[in-house]
Full PDB file with SEQRES, HELIX, SHEET, SSBOND, CRYST1, ORIGX, SCALE, CONECT and MASTER records, all heavy atoms in Angstrom:
SEQRES   1 A   40  ILE LYS SER SER LYS LEU ASN SER TYR HIS SER LYS VAL          
SEQRES   2 A   40  THR LEU THR SER ASN GLY LYS LEU ALA LYS GLY THR TYR          
SEQRES   3 A   40  TYR ILE LYS ILE SER ARG THR ASP LYS TYR SER SER GLY          
SEQRES   4 A   40  TYR                                                          
CRYST1    1.000    1.000    1.000  90.00  90.00  90.00 P 1           1          
ORIGX1      1.000000  0.000000  0.000000        0.00000                         
ORIGX2      0.000000  1.000000  0.000000        0.00000                         
ORIGX3      0.000000  0.000000  1.000000        0.00000                         
SCALE1      1.000000  0.000000  0.000000        0.00000                         
SCALE2      0.000000  1.000000  0.000000        0.00000                         
SCALE3      0.000000  0.000000  1.000000        0.00000                         
ATOM      1  N   ILE A   1       0.817  -1.204   0.000  1.00  0.00           N  
ATOM      2  CA  ILE A   1       0.000   0.000   0.000  1.00  0.00           C  
ATOM      3  C   ILE A   1       0.861   1.269   0.000  1.00  0.00           C  
ATOM      4  O   ILE A   1       0.639   2.180  -0.793  1.00  0.00           O  
ATOM      5  CB  ILE A   1      -0.940   0.018   1.215  1.00  0.00           C  
ATOM      6  CG1 ILE A   1      -1.774  -1.269   1.259  1.00  0.00           C  
ATOM      7  CG2 ILE A   1      -1.831   1.250   1.197  1.00  0.00           C  
ATOM      8  CD1 ILE A   1      -2.652  -1.471   0.040  1.00  0.00           C  
ATOM      9  N   LYS A   2       1.848   1.290   0.862  1.00  0.00           N  
ATOM     10  CA  LYS A   2       2.642   2.511   1.017  1.00  0.00           C  
ATOM     11  C   LYS A   2       3.939   2.200   1.734  1.00  0.00           C  
ATOM     12  O   LYS A   2       4.018   1.306   2.570  1.00  0.00           O  
ATOM     13  CB  LYS A   2       1.843   3.542   1.825  1.00  0.00           C  
ATOM     14  CG  LYS A   2       2.526   4.874   2.042  1.00  0.00           C  
ATOM     15  CD  LYS A   2       2.607   5.701   0.783  1.00  0.00           C  
ATOM     16  CE  LYS A   2       3.193   7.061   1.058  1.00  0.00           C  
ATOM     17  NZ  LYS A   2       3.268   7.905  -0.147  1.00  0.00           N  
ATOM     18  N   SER A   3       4.999   2.951   1.379  1.00  0.00           N  
ATOM     19  CA  SER A   3       6.292   2.821   2.055  1.00  0.00           C  
ATOM     20  C   SER A   3       6.851   4.198   2.384  1.00  0.00           C  
ATOM     21  O   SER A   3       6.515   5.190   1.740  1.00  0.00           O  
ATOM     22  CB  SER A   3       7.300   2.073   1.182  1.00  0.00           C  
ATOM     23  OG  SER A   3       6.942   0.730   1.010  1.00  0.00           O  
ATOM     24  N   SER A   4       7.708   4.232   3.361  1.00  0.00           N  
ATOM     25  CA  SER A   4       8.444   5.449   3.687  1.00  0.00           C  
ATOM     26  C   SER A   4       9.772   5.044   4.321  1.00  0.00           C  
ATOM     27  O   SER A   4      10.016   3.861   4.573  1.00  0.00           O  
ATOM     28  CB  SER A   4       7.644   6.344   4.628  1.00  0.00           C  
ATOM     29  OG  SER A   4       8.263   7.603   4.766  1.00  0.00           O  
ATOM     30  N   LYS A   5      10.643   6.040   4.565  1.00  0.00           N  
ATOM     31  CA  LYS A   5      11.968   5.747   5.089  1.00  0.00           C  
ATOM     32  C   LYS A   5      12.249   6.519   6.370  1.00  0.00           C  
ATOM     33  O   LYS A   5      11.861   7.675   6.517  1.00  0.00           O  
ATOM     34  CB  LYS A   5      13.043   6.090   4.061  1.00  0.00           C  
ATOM     35  CG  LYS A   5      13.044   5.220   2.843  1.00  0.00           C  
ATOM     36  CD  LYS A   5      14.267   5.468   1.982  1.00  0.00           C  
ATOM     37  CE  LYS A   5      14.337   6.892   1.471  1.00  0.00           C  
ATOM     38  NZ  LYS A   5      15.489   7.091   0.570  1.00  0.00           N  
ATOM     39  N   LEU A   6      12.947   5.831   7.264  1.00  0.00           N  
ATOM     40  CA  LEU A   6      13.492   6.469   8.452  1.00  0.00           C  
ATOM     41  C   LEU A   6      14.948   6.784   8.139  1.00  0.00           C  
ATOM     42  O   LEU A   6      15.729   5.880   7.845  1.00  0.00           O  
ATOM     43  CB  LEU A   6      13.397   5.519   9.656  1.00  0.00           C  
ATOM     44  CG  LEU A   6      13.982   6.016  10.980  1.00  0.00           C  
ATOM     45  CD1 LEU A   6      13.058   7.051  11.601  1.00  0.00           C  
ATOM     46  CD2 LEU A   6      14.175   4.854  11.943  1.00  0.00           C  
ATOM     47  N   ASN A   7      15.298   8.056   8.158  1.00  0.00           N  
ATOM     48  CA  ASN A   7      16.648   8.430   7.774  1.00  0.00           C  
ATOM     49  C   ASN A   7      17.630   8.314   8.927  1.00  0.00           C  
ATOM     50  O   ASN A   7      17.265   8.029  10.058  1.00  0.00           O  
ATOM     51  CB  ASN A   7      16.651   9.846   7.194  1.00  0.00           C  
ATOM     52  CG  ASN A   7      16.009   9.892   5.825  1.00  0.00           C  
ATOM     53  OD1 ASN A   7      16.120   8.949   5.044  1.00  0.00           O  
ATOM     54  ND2 ASN A   7      15.298  10.978   5.529  1.00  0.00           N  
ATOM     55  N   SER A   8      18.889   8.563   8.628  1.00  0.00           N  
ATOM     56  CA  SER A   8      19.961   8.347   9.589  1.00  0.00           C  
ATOM     57  C   SER A   8      19.829   9.216  10.833  1.00  0.00           C  
ATOM     58  O   SER A   8      19.075  10.175  10.875  1.00  0.00           O  
ATOM     59  CB  SER A   8      21.310   8.619   8.920  1.00  0.00           C  
ATOM     60  OG  SER A   8      21.341   9.935   8.410  1.00  0.00           O  
ATOM     61  N   TYR A   9      20.652   8.879  11.859  1.00  0.00           N  
ATOM     62  CA  TYR A   9      20.615   9.465  13.177  1.00  0.00           C  
ATOM     63  C   TYR A   9      19.246   9.213  13.819  1.00  0.00           C  
ATOM     64  O   TYR A   9      18.513   8.344  13.420  1.00  0.00           O  
ATOM     65  CB  TYR A   9      20.974  10.956  13.145  1.00  0.00           C  
ATOM     66  CG  TYR A   9      22.311  11.208  12.517  1.00  0.00           C  
ATOM     67  CD1 TYR A   9      22.432  11.966  11.361  1.00  0.00           C  
ATOM     68  CD2 TYR A   9      23.456  10.631  13.047  1.00  0.00           C  
ATOM     69  CE1 TYR A   9      23.665  12.174  10.772  1.00  0.00           C  
ATOM     70  CE2 TYR A   9      24.690  10.832  12.469  1.00  0.00           C  
ATOM     71  CZ  TYR A   9      24.786  11.608  11.329  1.00  0.00           C  
ATOM     72  OH  TYR A   9      25.999  11.792  10.752  1.00  0.00           O  
ATOM     73  N   HIS A  10      18.887   9.987  14.780  1.00  0.00           N  
ATOM     74  CA  HIS A  10      17.611   9.770  15.462  1.00  0.00           C  
ATOM     75  C   HIS A  10      16.528  10.569  14.758  1.00  0.00           C  
ATOM     76  O   HIS A  10      16.618  11.789  14.638  1.00  0.00           O  
ATOM     77  CB  HIS A  10      17.724  10.203  16.914  1.00  0.00           C  
ATOM     78  CG  HIS A  10      18.406   9.181  17.758  1.00  0.00           C  
ATOM     79  ND1 HIS A  10      19.012   8.080  17.261  1.00  0.00           N  
ATOM     80  CD2 HIS A  10      18.564   9.098  19.076  1.00  0.00           C  
ATOM     81  CE1 HIS A  10      19.520   7.378  18.237  1.00  0.00           C  
ATOM     82  NE2 HIS A  10      19.268   7.980  19.355  1.00  0.00           N  
ATOM     83  N   SER A  11      15.513   9.892  14.307  1.00  0.00           N  
ATOM     84  CA  SER A  11      14.426  10.565  13.608  1.00  0.00           C  
ATOM     85  C   SER A  11      13.141   9.796  13.835  1.00  0.00           C  
ATOM     86  O   SER A  11      13.118   8.757  14.494  1.00  0.00           O  
ATOM     87  CB  SER A  11      14.737  10.675  12.110  1.00  0.00           C  
ATOM     88  OG  SER A  11      14.984   9.398  11.560  1.00  0.00           O  
ATOM     89  N   LYS A  12      12.052  10.324  13.288  1.00  0.00           N  
ATOM     90  CA  LYS A  12      10.747   9.681  13.429  1.00  0.00           C  
ATOM     91  C   LYS A  12       9.964   9.899  12.149  1.00  0.00           C  
ATOM     92  O   LYS A  12       9.970  10.987  11.575  1.00  0.00           O  
ATOM     93  CB  LYS A  12       9.986  10.265  14.620  1.00  0.00           C  
ATOM     94  CG  LYS A  12       8.634   9.592  14.865  1.00  0.00           C  
ATOM     95  CD  LYS A  12       8.045  10.006  16.205  1.00  0.00           C  
ATOM     96  CE  LYS A  12       7.424  11.361  16.170  1.00  0.00           C  
ATOM     97  NZ  LYS A  12       6.688  11.657  17.433  1.00  0.00           N  
ATOM     98  N   VAL A  13       9.323   8.843  11.675  1.00  0.00           N  
ATOM     99  CA  VAL A  13       8.477   8.942  10.497  1.00  0.00           C  
ATOM    100  C   VAL A  13       7.070   8.505  10.888  1.00  0.00           C  
ATOM    101  O   VAL A  13       6.890   7.528  11.626  1.00  0.00           O  
ATOM    102  CB  VAL A  13       9.029   8.102   9.326  1.00  0.00           C  
ATOM    103  CG1 VAL A  13       9.083   6.632   9.662  1.00  0.00           C  
ATOM    104  CG2 VAL A  13       8.220   8.345   8.066  1.00  0.00           C  
ATOM    105  N   THR A  14       6.073   9.258  10.421  1.00  0.00           N  
ATOM    106  CA  THR A  14       4.678   8.963  10.742  1.00  0.00           C  
ATOM    107  C   THR A  14       3.892   8.791   9.450  1.00  0.00           C  
ATOM    108  O   THR A  14       3.895   9.680   8.591  1.00  0.00           O  
ATOM    109  CB  THR A  14       4.054  10.096  11.571  1.00  0.00           C  
ATOM    110  OG1 THR A  14       4.802  10.255  12.777  1.00  0.00           O  
ATOM    111  CG2 THR A  14       2.612   9.772  11.921  1.00  0.00           C  
ATOM    112  N   LEU A  15       3.208   7.661   9.301  1.00  0.00           N  
ATOM    113  CA  LEU A  15       2.310   7.415   8.173  1.00  0.00           C  
ATOM    114  C   LEU A  15       0.883   7.559   8.685  1.00  0.00           C  
ATOM    115  O   LEU A  15       0.490   6.880   9.634  1.00  0.00           O  
ATOM    116  CB  LEU A  15       2.523   6.007   7.608  1.00  0.00           C  
ATOM    117  CG  LEU A  15       3.940   5.657   7.117  1.00  0.00           C  
ATOM    118  CD1 LEU A  15       3.957   4.261   6.532  1.00  0.00           C  
ATOM    119  CD2 LEU A  15       4.436   6.661   6.114  1.00  0.00           C  
ATOM    120  N   THR A  16       0.133   8.435   8.054  1.00  0.00           N  
ATOM    121  CA  THR A  16      -1.225   8.720   8.515  1.00  0.00           C  
ATOM    122  C   THR A  16      -2.227   8.486   7.393  1.00  0.00           C  
ATOM    123  O   THR A  16      -2.025   8.961   6.265  1.00  0.00           O  
ATOM    124  CB  THR A  16      -1.342  10.187   8.981  1.00  0.00           C  
ATOM    125  OG1 THR A  16      -0.343  10.430   9.970  1.00  0.00           O  
ATOM    126  CG2 THR A  16      -2.707  10.454   9.580  1.00  0.00           C  
ATOM    127  N   SER A  17      -3.300   7.771   7.673  1.00  0.00           N  
ATOM    128  CA  SER A  17      -4.321   7.523   6.657  1.00  0.00           C  
ATOM    129  C   SER A  17      -5.084   8.803   6.340  1.00  0.00           C  
ATOM    130  O   SER A  17      -5.328   9.622   7.215  1.00  0.00           O  
ATOM    131  CB  SER A  17      -5.286   6.427   7.119  1.00  0.00           C  
ATOM    132  OG  SER A  17      -5.994   6.845   8.271  1.00  0.00           O  
ATOM    133  N   ASN A  18      -5.419   8.968   5.081  1.00  0.00           N  
ATOM    134  CA  ASN A  18      -6.177  10.152   4.671  1.00  0.00           C  
ATOM    135  C   ASN A  18      -7.668  10.024   4.974  1.00  0.00           C  
ATOM    136  O   ASN A  18      -8.435  10.965   4.796  1.00  0.00           O  
ATOM    137  CB  ASN A  18      -5.998  10.406   3.173  1.00  0.00           C  
ATOM    138  CG  ASN A  18      -4.585  10.846   2.855  1.00  0.00           C  
ATOM    139  OD1 ASN A  18      -3.910  11.414   3.704  1.00  0.00           O  
ATOM    140  ND2 ASN A  18      -4.139  10.573   1.643  1.00  0.00           N  
ATOM    141  N   GLY A  19      -8.044   8.859   5.380  1.00  0.00           N  
ATOM    142  CA  GLY A  19      -9.436   8.602   5.728  1.00  0.00           C  
ATOM    143  C   GLY A  19      -9.524   7.330   6.532  1.00  0.00           C  
ATOM    144  O   GLY A  19      -8.508   6.764   6.956  1.00  0.00           O  
ATOM    145  N   LYS A  20     -10.723   6.834   6.720  1.00  0.00           N  
ATOM    146  CA  LYS A  20     -10.889   5.594   7.471  1.00  0.00           C  
ATOM    147  C   LYS A  20     -10.518   4.397   6.606  1.00  0.00           C  
ATOM    148  O   LYS A  20     -10.811   4.348   5.412  1.00  0.00           O  
ATOM    149  CB  LYS A  20     -12.324   5.456   7.963  1.00  0.00           C  
ATOM    150  CG  LYS A  20     -12.712   6.484   9.012  1.00  0.00           C  
ATOM    151  CD  LYS A  20     -14.132   6.265   9.512  1.00  0.00           C  
ATOM    152  CE  LYS A  20     -14.491   7.268  10.601  1.00  0.00           C  
ATOM    153  NZ  LYS A  20     -15.868   7.047  11.109  1.00  0.00           N  
ATOM    154  N   LEU A  21      -9.823   3.455   7.224  1.00  0.00           N  
ATOM    155  CA  LEU A  21      -9.409   2.242   6.532  1.00  0.00           C  
ATOM    156  C   LEU A  21     -10.464   1.150   6.698  1.00  0.00           C  
ATOM    157  O   LEU A  21     -11.142   1.067   7.728  1.00  0.00           O  
ATOM    158  CB  LEU A  21      -8.075   1.737   7.081  1.00  0.00           C  
ATOM    159  CG  LEU A  21      -6.896   2.714   7.046  1.00  0.00           C  
ATOM    160  CD1 LEU A  21      -5.659   2.027   7.554  1.00  0.00           C  
ATOM    161  CD2 LEU A  21      -6.693   3.277   5.658  1.00  0.00           C  
ATOM    162  N   ALA A  22     -10.549   0.314   5.672  1.00  0.00           N  
ATOM    163  CA  ALA A  22     -11.480  -0.815   5.734  1.00  0.00           C  
ATOM    164  C   ALA A  22     -11.028  -1.816   6.787  1.00  0.00           C  
ATOM    165  O   ALA A  22      -9.838  -1.921   7.105  1.00  0.00           O  
ATOM    166  CB  ALA A  22     -11.569  -1.482   4.373  1.00  0.00           C  
ATOM    167  N   LYS A  23     -11.993  -2.540   7.351  1.00  0.00           N  
ATOM    168  CA  LYS A  23     -11.610  -3.545   8.333  1.00  0.00           C  
ATOM    169  C   LYS A  23     -10.814  -4.652   7.660  1.00  0.00           C  
ATOM    170  O   LYS A  23     -10.921  -4.897   6.459  1.00  0.00           O  
ATOM    171  CB  LYS A  23     -12.836  -4.111   9.039  1.00  0.00           C  
ATOM    172  CG  LYS A  23     -13.780  -4.922   8.163  1.00  0.00           C  
ATOM    173  CD  LYS A  23     -14.944  -5.448   8.987  1.00  0.00           C  
ATOM    174  CE  LYS A  23     -15.890  -6.303   8.135  1.00  0.00           C  
ATOM    175  NZ  LYS A  23     -16.997  -6.845   8.954  1.00  0.00           N  
ATOM    176  N   GLY A  24      -9.973  -5.307   8.444  1.00  0.00           N  
ATOM    177  CA  GLY A  24      -9.144  -6.373   7.911  1.00  0.00           C  
ATOM    178  C   GLY A  24      -7.789  -6.408   8.594  1.00  0.00           C  
ATOM    179  O   GLY A  24      -7.518  -5.658   9.540  1.00  0.00           O  
ATOM    180  N   THR A  25      -6.903  -7.285   8.106  1.00  0.00           N  
ATOM    181  CA  THR A  25      -5.565  -7.437   8.682  1.00  0.00           C  
ATOM    182  C   THR A  25      -4.555  -6.673   7.844  1.00  0.00           C  
ATOM    183  O   THR A  25      -4.522  -6.779   6.619  1.00  0.00           O  
ATOM    184  CB  THR A  25      -5.160  -8.920   8.747  1.00  0.00           C  
ATOM    185  OG1 THR A  25      -6.108  -9.611   9.566  1.00  0.00           O  
ATOM    186  CG2 THR A  25      -3.774  -9.077   9.340  1.00  0.00           C  
ATOM    187  N   TYR A  26      -3.688  -5.921   8.526  1.00  0.00           N  
ATOM    188  CA  TYR A  26      -2.650  -5.128   7.877  1.00  0.00           C  
ATOM    189  C   TYR A  26      -1.283  -5.589   8.389  1.00  0.00           C  
ATOM    190  O   TYR A  26      -1.139  -5.999   9.540  1.00  0.00           O  
ATOM    191  CB  TYR A  26      -2.868  -3.646   8.162  1.00  0.00           C  
ATOM    192  CG  TYR A  26      -4.130  -3.123   7.536  1.00  0.00           C  
ATOM    193  CD1 TYR A  26      -5.352  -3.232   8.216  1.00  0.00           C  
ATOM    194  CD2 TYR A  26      -4.117  -2.553   6.277  1.00  0.00           C  
ATOM    195  CE1 TYR A  26      -6.523  -2.774   7.647  1.00  0.00           C  
ATOM    196  CE2 TYR A  26      -5.287  -2.084   5.692  1.00  0.00           C  
ATOM    197  CZ  TYR A  26      -6.479  -2.201   6.372  1.00  0.00           C  
ATOM    198  OH  TYR A  26      -7.641  -1.746   5.795  1.00  0.00           O  
ATOM    199  N   TYR A  27      -0.310  -5.491   7.506  1.00  0.00           N  
ATOM    200  CA  TYR A  27       1.037  -5.951   7.834  1.00  0.00           C  
ATOM    201  C   TYR A  27       2.019  -4.786   7.751  1.00  0.00           C  
ATOM    202  O   TYR A  27       1.953  -3.956   6.841  1.00  0.00           O  
ATOM    203  CB  TYR A  27       1.482  -7.053   6.879  1.00  0.00           C  
ATOM    204  CG  TYR A  27       0.669  -8.318   7.005  1.00  0.00           C  
ATOM    205  CD1 TYR A  27      -0.512  -8.482   6.276  1.00  0.00           C  
ATOM    206  CD2 TYR A  27       1.076  -9.341   7.850  1.00  0.00           C  
ATOM    207  CE1 TYR A  27      -1.270  -9.624   6.393  1.00  0.00           C  
ATOM    208  CE2 TYR A  27       0.323 -10.500   7.975  1.00  0.00           C  
ATOM    209  CZ  TYR A  27      -0.842 -10.642   7.249  1.00  0.00           C  
ATOM    210  OH  TYR A  27      -1.592 -11.780   7.366  1.00  0.00           O  
ATOM    211  N   ILE A  28       2.946  -4.773   8.686  1.00  0.00           N  
ATOM    212  CA  ILE A  28       4.021  -3.778   8.695  1.00  0.00           C  
ATOM    213  C   ILE A  28       5.337  -4.519   8.450  1.00  0.00           C  
ATOM    214  O   ILE A  28       5.694  -5.430   9.196  1.00  0.00           O  
ATOM    215  CB  ILE A  28       4.099  -3.033  10.037  1.00  0.00           C  
ATOM    216  CG1 ILE A  28       2.768  -2.352  10.345  1.00  0.00           C  
ATOM    217  CG2 ILE A  28       5.229  -2.013  10.032  1.00  0.00           C  
ATOM    218  CD1 ILE A  28       2.706  -1.744  11.738  1.00  0.00           C  
ATOM    219  N   LYS A  29       6.029  -4.134   7.395  1.00  0.00           N  
ATOM    220  CA  LYS A  29       7.333  -4.716   7.092  1.00  0.00           C  
ATOM    221  C   LYS A  29       8.407  -3.653   7.321  1.00  0.00           C  
ATOM    222  O   LYS A  29       8.328  -2.544   6.779  1.00  0.00           O  
ATOM    223  CB  LYS A  29       7.391  -5.189   5.641  1.00  0.00           C  
ATOM    224  CG  LYS A  29       8.751  -5.769   5.234  1.00  0.00           C  
ATOM    225  CD  LYS A  29       8.769  -6.102   3.743  1.00  0.00           C  
ATOM    226  CE  LYS A  29      10.124  -6.659   3.311  1.00  0.00           C  
ATOM    227  NZ  LYS A  29      10.174  -6.928   1.846  1.00  0.00           N  
ATOM    228  N   ILE A  30       9.427  -3.995   8.112  1.00  0.00           N  
ATOM    229  CA  ILE A  30      10.543  -3.088   8.368  1.00  0.00           C  
ATOM    230  C   ILE A  30      11.799  -3.739   7.804  1.00  0.00           C  
ATOM    231  O   ILE A  30      12.145  -4.868   8.172  1.00  0.00           O  
ATOM    232  CB  ILE A  30      10.689  -2.786   9.866  1.00  0.00           C  
ATOM    233  CG1 ILE A  30       9.388  -2.133  10.373  1.00  0.00           C  
ATOM    234  CG2 ILE A  30      11.877  -1.889  10.132  1.00  0.00           C  
ATOM    235  CD1 ILE A  30       9.349  -1.922  11.862  1.00  0.00           C  
ATOM    236  N   SER A  31      12.491  -3.036   6.911  1.00  0.00           N  
ATOM    237  CA  SER A  31      13.606  -3.637   6.173  1.00  0.00           C  
ATOM    238  C   SER A  31      14.679  -2.603   5.864  1.00  0.00           C  
ATOM    239  O   SER A  31      14.481  -1.395   6.024  1.00  0.00           O  
ATOM    240  CB  SER A  31      13.078  -4.248   4.868  1.00  0.00           C  
ATOM    241  OG  SER A  31      12.477  -3.247   4.060  1.00  0.00           O  
ATOM    242  N   ARG A  32      15.793  -3.072   5.400  1.00  0.00           N  
ATOM    243  CA  ARG A  32      16.847  -2.167   4.961  1.00  0.00           C  
ATOM    244  C   ARG A  32      16.487  -1.592   3.586  1.00  0.00           C  
ATOM    245  O   ARG A  32      15.814  -2.253   2.785  1.00  0.00           O  
ATOM    246  CB  ARG A  32      18.188  -2.902   4.894  1.00  0.00           C  
ATOM    247  CG  ARG A  32      18.227  -4.094   3.949  1.00  0.00           C  
ATOM    248  CD  ARG A  32      19.567  -4.800   4.040  1.00  0.00           C  
ATOM    249  NE  ARG A  32      19.686  -5.858   3.014  1.00  0.00           N  
ATOM    250  CZ  ARG A  32      20.784  -6.581   2.819  1.00  0.00           C  
ATOM    251  NH1 ARG A  32      21.849  -6.370   3.579  1.00  0.00           N  
ATOM    252  NH2 ARG A  32      20.834  -7.499   1.884  1.00  0.00           N  
ATOM    253  N   THR A  33      16.955  -0.383   3.300  1.00  0.00           N  
ATOM    254  CA  THR A  33      16.675   0.212   1.998  1.00  0.00           C  
ATOM    255  C   THR A  33      17.637  -0.281   0.929  1.00  0.00           C  
ATOM    256  O   THR A  33      17.306  -0.319  -0.246  1.00  0.00           O  
ATOM    257  CB  THR A  33      16.757   1.745   2.071  1.00  0.00           C  
ATOM    258  OG1 THR A  33      18.036   2.115   2.602  1.00  0.00           O  
ATOM    259  CG2 THR A  33      15.664   2.296   2.966  1.00  0.00           C  
ATOM    260  N   ASP A  34      18.837  -0.649   1.332  1.00  0.00           N  
ATOM    261  CA  ASP A  34      19.789  -1.287   0.418  1.00  0.00           C  
ATOM    262  C   ASP A  34      20.739  -2.137   1.250  1.00  0.00           C  
ATOM    263  O   ASP A  34      20.617  -2.212   2.476  1.00  0.00           O  
ATOM    264  CB  ASP A  34      20.534  -0.268  -0.451  1.00  0.00           C  
ATOM    265  CG  ASP A  34      21.403   0.702   0.351  1.00  0.00           C  
ATOM    266  OD1 ASP A  34      21.985   0.298   1.381  1.00  0.00           O  
ATOM    267  OD2 ASP A  34      21.509   1.869  -0.063  1.00  0.00           O  
ATOM    268  N   LYS A  35      21.706  -2.760   0.611  1.00  0.00           N  
ATOM    269  CA  LYS A  35      22.561  -3.733   1.302  1.00  0.00           C  
ATOM    270  C   LYS A  35      23.469  -3.098   2.348  1.00  0.00           C  
ATOM    271  O   LYS A  35      24.078  -3.808   3.159  1.00  0.00           O  
ATOM    272  CB  LYS A  35      23.397  -4.506   0.301  1.00  0.00           C  
ATOM    273  CG  LYS A  35      24.441  -3.670  -0.442  1.00  0.00           C  
ATOM    274  CD  LYS A  35      25.246  -4.548  -1.380  1.00  0.00           C  
ATOM    275  CE  LYS A  35      26.337  -3.756  -2.088  1.00  0.00           C  
ATOM    276  NZ  LYS A  35      27.141  -4.633  -2.982  1.00  0.00           N  
ATOM    277  N   TYR A  36      23.558  -1.770   2.380  1.00  0.00           N  
ATOM    278  CA  TYR A  36      24.429  -1.102   3.337  1.00  0.00           C  
ATOM    279  C   TYR A  36      23.678  -0.480   4.513  1.00  0.00           C  
ATOM    280  O   TYR A  36      24.279   0.182   5.356  1.00  0.00           O  
ATOM    281  CB  TYR A  36      25.247  -0.019   2.633  1.00  0.00           C  
ATOM    282  CG  TYR A  36      26.321  -0.571   1.718  1.00  0.00           C  
ATOM    283  CD1 TYR A  36      26.617   0.065   0.514  1.00  0.00           C  
ATOM    284  CD2 TYR A  36      27.027  -1.719   2.047  1.00  0.00           C  
ATOM    285  CE1 TYR A  36      27.603  -0.437  -0.329  1.00  0.00           C  
ATOM    286  CE2 TYR A  36      28.008  -2.229   1.213  1.00  0.00           C  
ATOM    287  CZ  TYR A  36      28.288  -1.581   0.029  1.00  0.00           C  
ATOM    288  OH  TYR A  36      29.266  -2.073  -0.804  1.00  0.00           O  
ATOM    289  N   SER A  37      22.380  -0.676   4.576  1.00  0.00           N  
ATOM    290  CA  SER A  37      21.585  -0.072   5.652  1.00  0.00           C  
ATOM    291  C   SER A  37      21.472  -1.002   6.859  1.00  0.00           C  
ATOM    292  O   SER A  37      21.338  -2.220   6.707  1.00  0.00           O  
ATOM    293  CB  SER A  37      20.177   0.258   5.151  1.00  0.00           C  
ATOM    294  OG  SER A  37      20.211   1.211   4.111  1.00  0.00           O  
ATOM    295  N   SER A  38      21.512  -0.418   8.028  1.00  0.00           N  
ATOM    296  CA  SER A  38      21.253  -1.165   9.264  1.00  0.00           C  
ATOM    297  C   SER A  38      20.930  -0.163  10.361  1.00  0.00           C  
ATOM    298  O   SER A  38      21.072   1.049  10.186  1.00  0.00           O  
ATOM    299  CB  SER A  38      22.461  -2.030   9.660  1.00  0.00           C  
ATOM    300  OG  SER A  38      23.564  -1.215  10.057  1.00  0.00           O  
ATOM    301  N   GLY A  39      20.503  -0.666  11.506  1.00  0.00           N  
ATOM    302  CA  GLY A  39      20.178   0.211  12.623  1.00  0.00           C  
ATOM    303  C   GLY A  39      19.143  -0.406  13.533  1.00  0.00           C  
ATOM    304  O   GLY A  39      18.969  -1.628  13.565  1.00  0.00           O  
ATOM    305  N   TYR A  40      18.439   0.422  14.275  1.00  0.00           N  
ATOM    306  CA  TYR A  40      17.404  -0.067  15.176  1.00  0.00           C  
ATOM    307  C   TYR A  40      16.186   0.835  15.079  1.00  0.00           C  
ATOM    308  O   TYR A  40      16.242   1.966  14.571  1.00  0.00           O  
ATOM    309  CB  TYR A  40      17.904  -0.151  16.611  1.00  0.00           C  
ATOM    310  CG  TYR A  40      17.994   1.178  17.321  1.00  0.00           C  
ATOM    311  CD1 TYR A  40      16.941   1.640  18.106  1.00  0.00           C  
ATOM    312  CD2 TYR A  40      19.140   1.974  17.219  1.00  0.00           C  
ATOM    313  CE1 TYR A  40      17.016   2.858  18.755  1.00  0.00           C  
ATOM    314  CE2 TYR A  40      19.227   3.187  17.862  1.00  0.00           C  
ATOM    315  CZ  TYR A  40      18.162   3.626  18.623  1.00  0.00           C  
ATOM    316  OH  TYR A  40      18.234   4.839  19.263  1.00  0.00           O  
TER     317      TYR A  40                                                      
MASTER        0    0    0    0    0    0    0    6  316    1    0    4          
END                                                                             
C-alpha cells in the first residue's frame, strides 16, 4: 500500500491515513533500503 523511510541518526516517520481504513488485517514490514543499511 505505502512505504516510507526512516533516515539516519535519530528521527521519526509517521504514516497517517487520509481517511478511514477498511476492516481487515494489515502488515508492517521493516527492512533495509539497500545492502548497506542497518540500525534499530
